[in-house]
């Protein structure tokens, strides 16, 4: 029985991959709302496979590789398919804009680079270097859902040049040397987890009032708080070094 339970994290990872595949089918059917929901579902599975792995102490090389492969589909290929469809829905301003649709497929390219770096970078054991692929995918998934909430902004959001710039910025953040905090709680110490609690609190409030429109704000807040946390950690380190010196 114990041996079978140890396979639970990998089974949850496979559910993540399955969700991503189903989401891609939804994009083929031009159902971007359900495709976006598939990303959110995959993100839930992605969280719980790591949680189950830590609780059951079932870490394995296969599990790590499987997780990256699943993330590549759910948080790389699927969001690029959604973005491609959004670009198709936007106005074709001129002949150049027709070819801008393909810029969407930079997302899986840079997601692959991000995941490959994560698997080999020892600095990312307790934090992230660059924007995690699930965060990027969730941000993209929020766009069709925001358009359902506020359909009057579609003509601004679906501008092909604006979306292209957005894609380039997000791809850059995926591989940028920016330390970002992990949401894994190693303990319940409030001071050590202050910025995590702050992010979760404000995220819950924003989502409660603004629903999916809050997602872009939450992502920006996540990056900002991570940078603030890093600055204070460096300042404290320098201060303690001077005292010890």
Protein backbone atom coordinates (compact mmCIF):
# COMPACT_ATOMS: atom_id res chain seq x y z
CA UNK A 1 0.00 0.00 0.00
CA UNK A 2 2.85 2.35 0.94
CA UNK A 3 4.47 1.74 -2.45
CA UNK A 4 1.24 2.64 -4.27
CA UNK A 5 0.75 5.85 -2.28
CA UNK A 6 4.22 7.00 -3.33
CA UNK A 7 2.90 7.17 -6.91
CA UNK A 8 0.20 9.69 -5.90
CA UNK A 9 2.29 12.82 -6.70
CA UNK A 10 3.02 11.52 -10.22
CA UNK A 11 -0.67 10.72 -10.71
CA UNK A 12 -1.54 14.31 -9.77
CA UNK A 13 1.12 15.55 -12.21
CA UNK A 14 -0.49 13.45 -14.93
CA UNK A 15 -3.81 15.13 -14.09
CA UNK A 16 -2.04 18.45 -14.68
CA UNK A 17 -0.91 17.21 -18.11
CA UNK A 18 -4.38 15.85 -18.92
CA UNK A 19 -5.91 19.24 -18.07
CA UNK A 20 -3.47 20.94 -20.41
CA UNK A 21 -4.33 18.57 -23.26
CA UNK A 22 -8.06 19.11 -22.76
CA UNK A 23 -7.46 22.86 -22.71
CA UNK A 24 -5.72 22.67 -26.09
CA UNK A 25 -8.78 20.89 -27.51
CA UNK A 26 -10.96 23.73 -26.21
CA UNK A 27 -8.78 26.26 -28.06
CA UNK A 28 -9.28 24.24 -31.27
CA UNK A 29 -13.02 24.63 -30.67
CA UNK A 30 -12.58 28.39 -30.11
CA UNK A 31 -13.74 28.01 -26.51
CA UNK A 32 -11.11 30.16 -24.82
CA UNK A 33 -13.05 30.44 -21.57
CA UNK A 34 -12.91 26.70 -20.93
CA UNK A 35 -9.32 26.60 -22.17
CA UNK A 36 -8.50 29.22 -19.53
CA UNK A 37 -10.29 27.21 -16.86
CA UNK A 38 -8.12 24.25 -17.88
CA UNK A 39 -5.01 26.28 -17.03
CA UNK A 40 -6.39 27.16 -13.61
CA UNK A 41 -7.23 23.49 -13.01
CA UNK A 42 -3.74 22.45 -14.13
CA UNK A 43 -2.25 25.01 -11.72
CA UNK A 44 -4.21 23.45 -8.85
CA UNK A 45 -2.86 20.01 -9.73
CA UNK A 46 0.63 21.50 -10.09
CA UNK A 47 0.42 22.87 -6.55
CA UNK A 48 -0.86 19.66 -5.02
CA UNK A 49 1.61 17.32 -6.71
CA UNK A 50 4.46 19.19 -5.03
CA UNK A 51 2.54 19.29 -1.75
CA UNK A 52 1.87 15.54 -1.90
CA UNK A 53 5.49 14.86 -2.78
CA UNK A 54 6.71 16.75 0.30
CA UNK A 55 4.16 15.19 2.65
CA UNK A 56 4.78 11.64 1.42
CA UNK A 57 8.54 12.22 1.00
CA UNK A 58 8.15 10.79 -2.49
CA UNK A 59 10.71 12.87 -4.36
CA UNK A 60 12.13 11.24 -7.48
CA UNK A 61 14.01 12.15 -10.67
CA UNK A 62 11.10 10.78 -12.70
CA UNK A 63 8.67 12.98 -10.80
CA UNK A 64 10.79 16.09 -11.40
CA UNK A 65 11.08 15.42 -15.13
CA UNK A 66 7.41 14.48 -15.41
CA UNK A 67 6.45 17.72 -13.70
CA UNK A 68 8.44 19.76 -16.22
CA UNK A 69 6.94 17.87 -19.16
CA UNK A 70 3.42 18.43 -17.84
CA UNK A 71 4.14 22.11 -17.20
CA UNK A 72 5.47 22.48 -20.73
CA UNK A 73 2.07 21.46 -22.11
CA UNK A 74 -0.22 23.11 -19.56
CA UNK A 75 1.76 26.31 -18.99
CA UNK A 76 3.68 26.56 -22.27
CA UNK A 77 1.77 25.17 -25.23
CA UNK A 78 -1.77 25.80 -23.96
CA UNK A 79 -1.29 29.52 -23.12
CA UNK A 80 0.44 30.04 -26.48
CA UNK A 81 -2.59 28.48 -28.23
CA UNK A 82 -4.90 30.82 -26.31
CA UNK A 83 -2.75 33.81 -27.21
CA UNK A 84 -2.65 32.74 -30.87
CA UNK A 85 -6.46 32.64 -30.94
CA UNK A 86 -6.65 36.06 -29.26
CA UNK A 87 -4.35 37.48 -31.92
CA UNK A 88 -6.59 36.00 -34.62
CA UNK A 89 -9.62 37.66 -33.03
CA UNK A 90 -7.95 41.07 -33.09
CA UNK A 91 -8.13 43.46 -36.03
CA UNK A 92 -5.70 42.78 -38.88
CA UNK A 93 -4.32 46.30 -39.16
CA UNK A 94 -2.04 45.62 -42.14
CA UNK A 95 -0.12 42.80 -43.82
CA UNK A 96 2.51 42.82 -41.08
CA UNK A 97 -0.07 42.14 -38.36
CA UNK A 98 -1.09 38.93 -40.12
CA UNK A 99 2.30 37.44 -39.31
CA UNK A 100 2.33 38.71 -35.73
CA UNK A 101 -0.01 35.84 -34.80
CA UNK A 102 2.95 33.47 -34.79
CA UNK A 103 4.71 35.45 -32.09
CA UNK A 104 2.44 33.59 -29.66
CA UNK A 105 4.64 30.53 -30.06
CA UNK A 106 7.54 32.27 -28.38
CA UNK A 107 5.70 31.44 -25.16
CA UNK A 108 6.41 27.65 -25.24
CA UNK A 109 9.98 28.34 -26.44
CA UNK A 110 10.78 30.56 -23.45
CA UNK A 111 8.75 28.32 -21.12
CA UNK A 112 10.98 25.41 -22.17
CA UNK A 113 14.07 27.50 -21.43
CA UNK A 114 12.60 28.49 -18.06
CA UNK A 115 11.82 24.89 -17.10
CA UNK A 116 15.21 23.61 -18.25
CA UNK A 117 16.93 26.28 -16.14
CA UNK A 118 14.79 25.41 -13.14
CA UNK A 119 15.77 21.73 -13.31
CA UNK A 120 19.50 22.46 -13.33
CA UNK A 121 19.80 25.70 -11.32
CA UNK A 122 20.68 24.93 -7.69
CA UNK A 123 19.79 28.52 -6.72
CA UNK A 124 16.10 27.73 -7.21
CA UNK A 125 15.75 25.20 -4.40
CA UNK A 126 13.78 27.60 -2.16
CA UNK A 127 12.96 30.49 -4.51
CA UNK A 128 12.64 31.18 -8.23
CA UNK A 129 14.89 32.95 -10.71
CA UNK A 130 12.55 34.39 -13.30
CA UNK A 131 8.77 34.27 -13.50
CA UNK A 132 7.41 30.72 -12.93
CA UNK A 133 5.60 29.25 -15.93
CA UNK A 134 2.32 28.71 -13.99
CA UNK A 135 2.20 32.42 -13.09
CA UNK A 136 2.73 33.40 -16.72
CA UNK A 137 0.08 30.92 -17.90
CA UNK A 138 -2.46 32.08 -15.30
CA UNK A 139 -1.95 35.68 -16.39
CA UNK A 140 -2.62 34.72 -20.02
CA UNK A 141 -5.60 32.59 -18.99
CA UNK A 142 -7.14 35.60 -17.26
CA UNK A 143 -7.36 37.58 -20.51
CA UNK A 144 -10.32 35.71 -22.11
CA UNK A 145 -12.09 35.68 -18.74
CA UNK A 146 -11.56 39.43 -18.28
CA UNK A 147 -12.97 40.00 -21.79
CA UNK A 148 -16.11 38.13 -20.74
CA UNK A 149 -16.40 40.43 -17.70
CA UNK A 150 -15.67 43.62 -19.62
CA UNK A 151 -16.38 43.02 -23.29
CA UNK A 152 -16.19 46.77 -24.02
CA UNK A 153 -12.38 46.71 -23.59
CA UNK A 154 -11.89 44.00 -26.25
CA UNK A 155 -10.88 46.51 -28.95
CA UNK A 156 -8.03 47.71 -26.72
CA UNK A 157 -6.91 44.34 -25.36
CA UNK A 158 -6.96 42.57 -28.74
CA UNK A 159 -4.70 45.08 -30.47
CA UNK A 160 -2.10 42.85 -32.20
CA UNK A 161 0.79 45.20 -31.47
CA UNK A 162 -0.16 45.50 -27.80
CA UNK A 163 -0.47 41.73 -27.44
CA UNK A 164 2.88 41.24 -29.22
CA UNK A 165 4.62 43.60 -26.80
CA UNK A 166 2.91 41.81 -23.90
CA UNK A 167 4.21 38.43 -25.16
CA UNK A 168 7.77 39.73 -25.50
CA UNK A 169 7.69 41.22 -21.98
CA UNK A 170 6.35 37.99 -20.44
CA UNK A 171 8.87 35.82 -22.32
CA UNK A 172 11.65 38.07 -21.05
CA UNK A 173 10.39 37.75 -17.47
CA UNK A 174 10.40 33.95 -17.76
CA UNK A 175 14.17 33.84 -18.23
CA UNK A 176 15.14 37.08 -16.45
CA UNK A 177 17.63 36.91 -13.59
CA UNK A 178 15.05 38.23 -11.13
CA UNK A 179 14.76 36.35 -7.80
CA UNK A 180 11.10 35.73 -6.97
CA UNK A 181 9.72 34.19 -3.82
CA UNK A 182 8.22 30.74 -3.69
CA UNK A 183 4.78 30.32 -2.11
CA UNK A 184 5.92 27.16 -0.31
CA UNK A 185 5.58 27.59 3.44
CA UNK A 186 8.48 25.84 5.20
CA UNK A 187 7.08 26.85 8.61
CA UNK A 188 4.36 29.02 10.19
CA UNK A 189 6.71 31.76 11.41
CA UNK A 190 4.93 35.05 10.57
CA UNK A 191 8.07 37.15 10.20
CA UNK A 192 9.75 34.70 7.82
CA UNK A 193 6.57 34.39 5.74
CA UNK A 194 5.40 38.01 6.03
CA UNK A 195 5.50 38.76 2.30
CA UNK A 196 3.79 35.47 1.44
CA UNK A 197 0.95 36.20 3.86
CA UNK A 198 0.71 39.75 2.53
CA UNK A 199 0.48 38.51 -1.05
CA UNK A 200 -2.18 35.91 -0.20
CA UNK A 201 -4.24 38.42 1.81
CA UNK A 202 -4.30 41.12 -0.85
CA UNK A 203 -4.81 38.54 -3.62
CA UNK A 204 -7.87 37.14 -1.84
CA UNK A 205 -9.34 40.63 -1.37
CA UNK A 206 -8.69 41.68 -4.97
CA UNK A 207 -10.11 38.47 -6.44
CA UNK A 208 -13.17 38.73 -4.19
CA UNK A 209 -14.01 42.18 -5.53
CA UNK A 210 -12.67 42.10 -9.08
CA UNK A 211 -12.65 38.37 -9.92
CA UNK A 212 -10.41 37.53 -12.88
CA UNK A 213 -9.61 41.19 -13.54
CA UNK A 214 -7.52 41.03 -10.36
CA UNK A 215 -5.10 38.44 -11.77
CA UNK A 216 -2.79 40.89 -13.63
CA UNK A 217 -2.60 43.05 -10.49
CA UNK A 218 -1.78 40.00 -8.37
CA UNK A 219 1.05 38.98 -10.72
CA UNK A 220 2.52 42.51 -10.64
CA UNK A 221 2.16 42.54 -6.84
CA UNK A 222 3.92 39.15 -6.64
CA UNK A 223 6.91 40.45 -8.61
CA UNK A 224 6.99 43.72 -6.62
CA UNK A 225 6.83 42.05 -3.20
CA UNK A 226 9.53 39.58 -4.26
CA UNK A 227 11.86 42.44 -5.19
CA UNK A 228 11.07 44.27 -1.91
CA UNK A 229 11.70 41.07 0.06
CA UNK A 230 15.03 40.60 -1.71
CA UNK A 231 16.07 44.21 -1.01
CA UNK A 232 15.29 43.93 2.71
CA UNK A 233 17.04 40.55 2.91
CA UNK A 234 20.16 42.06 1.30
CA UNK A 235 20.03 45.12 3.57
CA UNK A 236 19.71 42.91 6.66
CA UNK A 237 22.58 40.74 5.45
CA UNK A 238 24.82 43.76 4.87
CA UNK A 239 23.87 45.20 8.26
CA UNK A 240 24.68 41.94 10.09
CA UNK A 241 27.96 41.63 8.15
CA UNK A 242 29.05 45.11 9.25
CA UNK A 243 28.18 44.31 12.86
CA UNK A 244 30.09 41.04 12.76
CA UNK A 245 33.01 42.77 11.03
